[in-house]
PDB file of N, CA and C in Angstrom:
ATOM      1  N   MET A   1      99.202  85.847  99.772  1.00  0.00           N
ATOM      2  CA  MET A   1     100.092  87.484  99.368  1.00  0.00           C
ATOM      3  C   MET A   1      99.428  88.248 100.181  1.00  0.00           C
ATOM      4  N   GLU A   2      98.834  89.041 100.761  1.00  0.00           N
ATOM      5  CA  GLU A   2      98.345  89.946 100.526  1.00  0.00           C
ATOM      6  C   GLU A   2      99.257  91.026 100.462  1.00  0.00           C
ATOM      7  N   THR A   3      98.868  92.096  99.601  1.00  0.00           N
ATOM      8  CA  THR A   3      99.998  93.296  99.441  1.00  0.00           C
ATOM      9  C   THR A   3      99.330  94.595  99.575  1.00  0.00           C
ATOM     10  N   ILE A   4      99.527  96.078  98.940  1.00  0.00           N
ATOM     11  CA  ILE A   4      98.821  96.926  99.708  1.00  0.00           C
ATOM     12  C   ILE A   4      97.865  97.149  97.799  1.00  0.00           C
ATOM     13  N   PHE A   5      98.321  96.409  97.344  1.00  0.00           N
ATOM     14  CA  PHE A   5      97.376  96.721  95.778  1.00  0.00           C
ATOM     15  C   PHE A   5      96.036  95.101  96.748  1.00  0.00           C
ATOM     16  N   ASP A   6      95.688  94.851  97.551  1.00  0.00           N
ATOM     17  CA  ASP A   6      94.512  94.497  98.024  1.00  0.00           C
ATOM     18  C   ASP A   6      93.621  94.984  98.546  1.00  0.00           C
ATOM     19  N   HIS A   7      94.254  96.429  98.706  1.00  0.00           N
ATOM     20  CA  HIS A   7      93.441  97.535  99.556  1.00  0.00           C
ATOM     21  C   HIS A   7      93.320  98.569  98.579  1.00  0.00           C
ATOM     22  N   ASN A   8      92.901  98.941  97.506  1.00  0.00           N
ATOM     23  CA  ASN A   8      92.670  99.628  95.768  1.00  0.00           C
ATOM     24  C   ASN A   8      92.738 101.186  96.641  1.00  0.00           C
ATOM     25  N   PRO A   9      94.711 100.723  96.833  1.00  0.00           N
ATOM     26  CA  PRO A   9      95.811 102.694  96.661  1.00  0.00           C
ATOM     27  C   PRO A   9      94.816 103.206  95.724  1.00  0.00           C
ATOM     28  N   THR A  10      95.062 104.822  96.062  1.00  0.00           N
ATOM     29  CA  THR A  10      95.006 105.813  95.837  1.00  0.00           C
ATOM     30  C   THR A  10      96.649 105.446  95.295  1.00  0.00           C
ATOM     31  N   LYS A  11      96.069 107.037  93.743  1.00  0.00           N
ATOM     32  CA  LYS A  11      97.004 107.808  93.672  1.00  0.00           C
ATOM     33  C   LYS A  11      98.431 108.213  94.632  1.00  0.00           C
ATOM     34  N   GLU A  12      97.534 108.937  95.446  1.00  0.00           N
ATOM     35  CA  GLU A  12      98.573 109.418  96.209  1.00  0.00           C
ATOM     36  C   GLU A  12      99.384 108.219  97.472  1.00  0.00           C
ATOM     37  N   GLU A  13      98.520 107.535  97.918  1.00  0.00           N
ATOM     38  CA  GLU A  13      99.321 106.720  98.059  1.00  0.00           C
ATOM     39  C   GLU A  13      99.916 106.133  97.495  1.00  0.00           C
ATOM     40  N   LEU A  14     100.330 105.446  96.385  1.00  0.00           N
ATOM     41  CA  LEU A  14     100.716 104.250  95.147  1.00  0.00           C
ATOM     42  C   LEU A  14     102.715 105.930  94.746  1.00  0.00           C
ATOM     43  N   LYS A  15     102.328 106.845  95.355  1.00  0.00           N
ATOM     44  CA  LYS A  15     103.397 107.897  94.935  1.00  0.00           C
ATOM     45  C   LYS A  15     104.679 107.720  96.573  1.00  0.00           C
ATOM     46  N   ARG A  16     102.934 107.528  97.026  1.00  0.00           N
ATOM     47  CA  ARG A  16     104.094 107.299  98.415  1.00  0.00           C
ATOM     48  C   ARG A  16     104.646 105.987  98.903  1.00  0.00           C
ATOM     49  N   PHE A  17     104.914 104.054  97.977  1.00  0.00           N
ATOM     50  CA  PHE A  17     105.454 104.285  98.352  1.00  0.00           C
ATOM     51  C   PHE A  17     106.768 103.717  96.777  1.00  0.00           C
ATOM     52  N   GLY A  18     106.628 104.470  96.663  1.00  0.00           N
ATOM     53  CA  GLY A  18     107.624 104.747  94.905  1.00  0.00           C
ATOM     54  C   GLY A  18     107.350 104.822  93.745  1.00  0.00           C
ATOM     55  N   PHE A  19     106.704 105.042  92.612  1.00  0.00           N
ATOM     56  CA  PHE A  19     105.551 104.616  92.437  1.00  0.00           C
ATOM     57  C   PHE A  19     105.325 105.793  91.263  1.00  0.00           C
ATOM     58  N   ARG A  20     106.455 106.862  91.345  1.00  0.00           N
ATOM     59  CA  ARG A  20     106.397 107.754  90.456  1.00  0.00           C
ATOM     60  C   ARG A  20     106.551 108.544  89.495  1.00  0.00           C
ATOM     61  N   GLU A  21     107.494 107.509  89.205  1.00  0.00           N
ATOM     62  CA  GLU A  21     108.055 106.867  88.064  1.00  0.00           C
ATOM     63  C   GLU A  21     107.401 106.044  87.246  1.00  0.00           C
ATOM     64  N   TYR A  22     106.374 105.591  87.654  1.00  0.00           N
ATOM     65  CA  TYR A  22     105.567 104.614  86.660  1.00  0.00           C
ATOM     66  C   TYR A  22     104.225 105.114  86.838  1.00  0.00           C
ATOM     67  N   GLU A  23     104.077 106.300  86.762  1.00  0.00           N
ATOM     68  CA  GLU A  23     102.497 107.095  86.381  1.00  0.00           C
ATOM     69  C   GLU A  23     101.611 107.070  85.255  1.00  0.00           C
ATOM     70  N   THR A  24     102.277 106.584  84.358  1.00  0.00           N
ATOM     71  CA  THR A  24     101.535 106.586  83.446  1.00  0.00           C
ATOM     72  C   THR A  24     101.649 104.950  82.815  1.00  0.00           C
ATOM     73  N   PHE A  25     101.987 104.633  84.223  1.00  0.00           N
ATOM     74  CA  PHE A  25     101.101 102.923  83.842  1.00  0.00           C
ATOM     75  C   PHE A  25      99.933 102.768  84.741  1.00  0.00           C
ATOM     76  N   SER A  26      99.174 101.603  84.010  1.00  0.00           N
ATOM     77  CA  SER A  26      97.966 101.117  84.654  1.00  0.00           C
ATOM     78  C   SER A  26      98.310 100.964  86.054  1.00  0.00           C
ATOM     79  N   ILE A  27      96.852 100.899  86.584  1.00  0.00           N
ATOM     80  CA  ILE A  27      97.113 100.338  88.072  1.00  0.00           C
ATOM     81  C   ILE A  27      97.739  98.521  88.016  1.00  0.00           C
ATOM     82  N   GLN A  28      97.308  97.874  87.384  1.00  0.00           N
ATOM     83  CA  GLN A  28      97.142  96.779  87.004  1.00  0.00           C
ATOM     84  C   GLN A  28      98.731  96.336  86.346  1.00  0.00           C
ATOM     85  N   GLU A  29      99.093  97.752  85.427  1.00  0.00           N
ATOM     86  CA  GLU A  29     100.762  97.108  85.224  1.00  0.00           C
ATOM     87  C   GLU A  29     101.764  97.459  86.600  1.00  0.00           C
ATOM     88  N   GLN A  30     100.785  98.707  87.428  1.00  0.00           N
ATOM     89  CA  GLN A  30     101.362  99.160  88.630  1.00  0.00           C
ATOM     90  C   GLN A  30     102.210  98.044  89.697  1.00  0.00           C
ATOM     91  N   LYS A  31     101.008  97.305  89.730  1.00  0.00           N
ATOM     92  CA  LYS A  31     100.668  96.079  90.964  1.00  0.00           C
ATOM     93  C   LYS A  31     101.910  95.167  89.885  1.00  0.00           C
ATOM     94  N   ASP A  32     102.196  94.571  88.595  1.00  0.00           N
ATOM     95  CA  ASP A  32     102.044  93.223  87.610  1.00  0.00           C
ATOM     96  C   ASP A  32     104.065  93.587  88.714  1.00  0.00           C
ATOM     97  N   PHE A  33     104.099  95.173  88.091  1.00  0.00           N
ATOM     98  CA  PHE A  33     106.162  95.191  88.324  1.00  0.00           C
ATOM     99  C   PHE A  33     106.450  95.240  89.647  1.00  0.00           C
ATOM    100  N   TYR A  34     105.636  95.815  90.729  1.00  0.00           N
ATOM    101  CA  TYR A  34     105.657  95.173  92.315  1.00  0.00           C
ATOM    102  C   TYR A  34     105.537  93.634  92.791  1.00  0.00           C
ATOM    103  N   LEU A  35     104.822  92.975  92.316  1.00  0.00           N
ATOM    104  CA  LEU A  35     104.429  91.585  92.978  1.00  0.00           C
ATOM    105  C   LEU A  35     105.504  90.801  92.556  1.00  0.00           C
ATOM    106  N   ASN A  36     107.029  91.295  90.727  1.00  0.00           N
ATOM    107  CA  ASN A  36     107.939  90.261  90.638  1.00  0.00           C
ATOM    108  C   ASN A  36     108.706  90.476  91.712  1.00  0.00           C
ATOM    109  N   HIS A  37     108.378  91.576  92.314  1.00  0.00           N
ATOM    110  CA  HIS A  37     109.901  91.691  93.657  1.00  0.00           C
ATOM    111  C   HIS A  37     108.964  91.146  95.216  1.00  0.00           C
ATOM    112  N   PRO A  38     108.666  89.830  94.883  1.00  0.00           N
ATOM    113  CA  PRO A  38     108.236  89.574  96.082  1.00  0.00           C
ATOM    114  C   PRO A  38     109.097  89.231  97.390  1.00  0.00           C
ATOM    115  N   SER A  39     109.085  89.483  98.807  1.00  0.00           N
ATOM    116  CA  SER A  39     108.979  89.930  99.204  1.00  0.00           C
ATOM    117  C   SER A  39     107.984  89.883 100.859  1.00  0.00           C
ATOM    118  N   VAL A  40     107.711  88.819 101.319  1.00  0.00           N
ATOM    119  CA  VAL A  40     106.538  89.479 102.282  1.00  0.00           C
ATOM    120  C   VAL A  40     106.406  89.613 103.533  1.00  0.00           C
ATOM    121  N   ASP A  41     108.087  90.607 103.833  1.00  0.00           N
ATOM    122  CA  ASP A  41     108.068  91.431 104.732  1.00  0.00           C
ATOM    123  C   ASP A  41     108.266  92.481 104.732  1.00  0.00           C
ATOM    124  N   THR A  42     108.813  92.927 103.276  1.00  0.00           N
ATOM    125  CA  THR A  42     108.578  94.292 102.719  1.00  0.00           C
ATOM    126  C   THR A  42     107.333  94.383 102.190  1.00  0.00           C
ATOM    127  N   TYR A  43     106.057  93.643 101.554  1.00  0.00           N
ATOM    128  CA  TYR A  43     104.570  93.733 102.012  1.00  0.00           C
ATOM    129  C   TYR A  43     104.361  93.952 102.913  1.00  0.00           C
ATOM    130  N   ASN A  44     104.253  92.925 104.246  1.00  0.00           N
ATOM    131  CA  ASN A  44     104.375  93.274 104.335  1.00  0.00           C
ATOM    132  C   ASN A  44     104.215  95.041 106.129  1.00  0.00           C
ATOM    133  N   TYR A  45     105.320  95.735 104.910  1.00  0.00           N
ATOM    134  CA  TYR A  45     105.974  96.704 106.029  1.00  0.00           C
ATOM    135  C   TYR A  45     105.017  97.940 105.451  1.00  0.00           C
ATOM    136  N   HIS A  46     104.325  97.433 103.587  1.00  0.00           N
ATOM    137  CA  HIS A  46     104.305  98.169 103.296  1.00  0.00           C
ATOM    138  C   HIS A  46     102.488  98.300 103.897  1.00  0.00           C
ATOM    139  N   LEU A  47     101.735  97.977 103.990  1.00  0.00           N
ATOM    140  CA  LEU A  47     100.988  97.435 104.429  1.00  0.00           C
ATOM    141  C   LEU A  47     100.812  98.149 105.938  1.00  0.00           C
ATOM    142  N   TYR A  48     101.302  97.957 106.026  1.00  0.00           N
ATOM    143  CA  TYR A  48     102.207  98.274 108.422  1.00  0.00           C
ATOM    144  C   TYR A  48     101.731 100.012 107.910  1.00  0.00           C
ATOM    145  N   ILE A  49     102.697 100.703 106.585  1.00  0.00           N
ATOM    146  CA  ILE A  49     102.466 101.808 105.904  1.00  0.00           C
ATOM    147  C   ILE A  49     100.771 102.327 105.572  1.00  0.00           C
ATOM    148  N   LEU A  50     100.452 101.996 105.135  1.00  0.00           N
ATOM    149  CA  LEU A  50      99.079 102.047 103.917  1.00  0.00           C
ATOM    150  C   LEU A  50      98.354 101.756 105.360  1.00  0.00           C
ATOM    151  N   PHE A  51      97.856 101.466 106.290  1.00  0.00           N
ATOM    152  CA  PHE A  51      96.893 101.609 107.347  1.00  0.00           C
ATOM    153  C   PHE A  51      97.508 102.701 108.379  1.00  0.00           C
ATOM    154  N   SER A  52      98.783 102.489 109.107  1.00  0.00           N
ATOM    155  CA  SER A  52      98.807 103.668 109.335  1.00  0.00           C
ATOM    156  C   SER A  52      98.485 105.118 108.362  1.00  0.00           C
ATOM    157  N   ILE A  53      98.488 105.640 107.333  1.00  0.00           N
ATOM    158  CA  ILE A  53      98.396 106.420 106.628  1.00  0.00           C
ATOM    159  C   ILE A  53      97.132 106.679 106.983  1.00  0.00           C
ATOM    160  N   ARG A  54      96.060 105.606 106.826  1.00  0.00           N
ATOM    161  CA  ARG A  54      94.459 105.878 106.205  1.00  0.00           C
ATOM    162  C   ARG A  54      94.079 105.553 108.576  1.00  0.00           C
ATOM    163  N   GLY A  55      94.518 106.100 109.028  1.00  0.00           N
ATOM    164  CA  GLY A  55      93.650 105.695 110.163  1.00  0.00           C
ATOM    165  C   GLY A  55      93.450 103.614 110.916  1.00  0.00           C
ATOM    166  N   ASN A  56      93.936 103.132 110.396  1.00  0.00           N
ATOM    167  CA  ASN A  56      93.449 102.190 110.628  1.00  0.00           C
ATOM    168  C   ASN A  56      95.056 101.686 111.974  1.00  0.00           C
ATOM    169  N   ASP A  57      94.249 102.040 113.439  1.00  0.00           N
ATOM    170  CA  ASP A  57      95.487 101.479 114.122  1.00  0.00           C
ATOM    171  C   ASP A  57      95.804 100.150 114.383  1.00  0.00           C
ATOM    172  N   GLU A  58      95.102  99.659 114.481  1.00  0.00           N
ATOM    173  CA  GLU A  58      94.482  98.070 114.564  1.00  0.00           C
ATOM    174  C   GLU A  58      94.818  97.365 113.610  1.00  0.00           C
ATOM    175  N   ARG A  59      95.020  97.636 112.408  1.00  0.00           N
ATOM    176  CA  ARG A  59      95.464  96.641 111.719  1.00  0.00           C
ATOM    177  C   ARG A  59      96.291  97.070 111.494  1.00  0.00           C
ATOM    178  N   ALA A  60      96.997  98.401 111.881  1.00  0.00           N
ATOM    179  CA  ALA A  60      98.543  98.560 111.753  1.00  0.00           C
ATOM    180  C   ALA A  60      99.342  98.029 112.806  1.00  0.00           C
ATOM    181  N   LYS A  61      98.957  97.852 113.513  1.00  0.00           N
ATOM    182  CA  LYS A  61      99.504  96.975 114.943  1.00  0.00           C
ATOM    183  C   LYS A  61      99.825  95.481 114.958  1.00  0.00           C
ATOM    184  N   LYS A  62      98.654  95.279 114.060  1.00  0.00           N
ATOM    185  CA  LYS A  62      99.132  93.669 114.195  1.00  0.00           C
ATOM    186  C   LYS A  62      99.791  93.231 113.235  1.00  0.00           C
ATOM    187  N   LEU A  63     100.012  93.902 112.047  1.00  0.00           N
ATOM    188  CA  LEU A  63     101.278  93.974 111.184  1.00  0.00           C
ATOM    189  C   LEU A  63     102.506  94.314 111.656  1.00  0.00           C
ATOM    190  N   TYR A  64     102.526  95.148 112.355  1.00  0.00           N
ATOM    191  CA  TYR A  64     103.395  95.506 112.646  1.00  0.00           C
ATOM    192  C   TYR A  64     104.369  94.329 113.746  1.00  0.00           C
ATOM    193  N   GLN A  65     103.115  94.045 114.691  1.00  0.00           N
ATOM    194  CA  GLN A  65     103.946  92.382 115.356  1.00  0.00           C
ATOM    195  C   GLN A  65     104.594  91.486 114.099  1.00  0.00           C
ATOM    196  N   LYS A  66     104.475  91.490 112.856  1.00  0.00           N
ATOM    197  CA  LYS A  66     104.905  90.455 111.950  1.00  0.00           C
ATOM    198  C   LYS A  66     106.589  90.958 110.840  1.00  0.00           C
ATOM    199  N   LEU A  67     106.685  92.642 112.478  1.00  0.00           N
ATOM    200  CA  LEU A  67     107.508  92.773 111.088  1.00  0.00           C
ATOM    201  C   LEU A  67     109.065  92.787 111.793  1.00  0.00           C
ATOM    202  N   SER A  68     109.757  92.603 111.034  1.00  0.00           N
ATOM    203  CA  SER A  68     111.756  91.947 111.249  1.00  0.00           C
ATOM    204  C   SER A  68     112.023  93.083 112.270  1.00  0.00           C
ATOM    205  N   SER A  69     112.723  93.091 112.822  1.00  0.00           N
ATOM    206  CA  SER A  69     113.483  93.917 113.572  1.00  0.00           C
ATOM    207  C   SER A  69     114.239  95.339 112.750  1.00  0.00           C
ATOM    208  N   ASP A  70     114.493  94.896 110.890  1.00  0.00           N
ATOM    209  CA  ASP A  70     115.125  95.884 110.644  1.00  0.00           C
ATOM    210  C   ASP A  70     114.047  96.338 110.171  1.00  0.00           C
ATOM    211  N   TYR A  71     112.610  95.740 109.535  1.00  0.00           N
ATOM    212  CA  TYR A  71     111.730  96.790 108.765  1.00  0.00           C
ATOM    213  C   TYR A  71     111.473  97.631 110.221  1.00  0.00           C
ATOM    214  N   LYS A  72     111.580  97.038 111.081  1.00  0.00           N
ATOM    215  CA  LYS A  72     110.772  97.706 112.658  1.00  0.00           C
ATOM    216  C   LYS A  72     111.333  99.279 112.663  1.00  0.00           C
ATOM    217  N   GLY A  73     113.561  99.514 112.558  1.00  0.00           N
ATOM    218  CA  GLY A  73     113.674  99.994 112.762  1.00  0.00           C
ATOM    219  C   GLY A  73     113.520 101.137 110.835  1.00  0.00           C
ATOM    220  N   LEU A  74     113.575 100.778 109.933  1.00  0.00           N
ATOM    221  CA  LEU A  74     113.271 101.798 108.660  1.00  0.00           C
ATOM    222  C   LEU A  74     112.066 102.619 109.529  1.00  0.00           C
ATOM    223  N   LEU A  75     110.861 102.521 110.558  1.00  0.00           N
ATOM    224  CA  LEU A  75     109.693 103.506 110.226  1.00  0.00           C
ATOM    225  C   LEU A  75     110.009 103.865 110.722  1.00  0.00           C
ATOM    226  N   MET A  76     111.634 104.256 111.649  1.00  0.00           N
ATOM    227  CA  MET A  76     111.850 105.358 112.885  1.00  0.00           C
ATOM    228  C   MET A  76     112.486 106.385 112.031  1.00  0.00           C
ATOM    229  N   GLN A  77     113.240 105.957 111.019  1.00  0.00           N
ATOM    230  CA  GLN A  77     113.170 106.755 109.195  1.00  0.00           C
ATOM    231  C   GLN A  77     112.348 107.082 108.399  1.00  0.00           C
ATOM    232  N   ASP A  78     110.772 106.386 108.027  1.00  0.00           N
ATOM    233  CA  ASP A  78     110.295 106.407 107.917  1.00  0.00           C
ATOM    234  C   ASP A  78     108.942 107.986 107.632  1.00  0.00           C
ATOM    235  N   PHE A  79     108.788 108.503 108.417  1.00  0.00           N
ATOM    236  CA  PHE A  79     107.729 108.540 109.750  1.00  0.00           C
ATOM    237  C   PHE A  79     108.305 110.268 109.945  1.00  0.00           C
TER     238      PHE A  79
END
């Protein structure tokens, strides 16, 4: 399962995904915590946001097609 951690997120990007309270943990510890709550929908949602932030619109569009309507609705609030 692909997640944001497969794309070497920066500390700033991790903050965007709510890892502020885990700043004292290593990237590996943060990844382990993240992977303890598997949800393909959440992973795709976060990947969409990551690629959007990075300006990779082509990849973001492909991920957008995979999002459920619930997650597409969140995007209106997220940006």
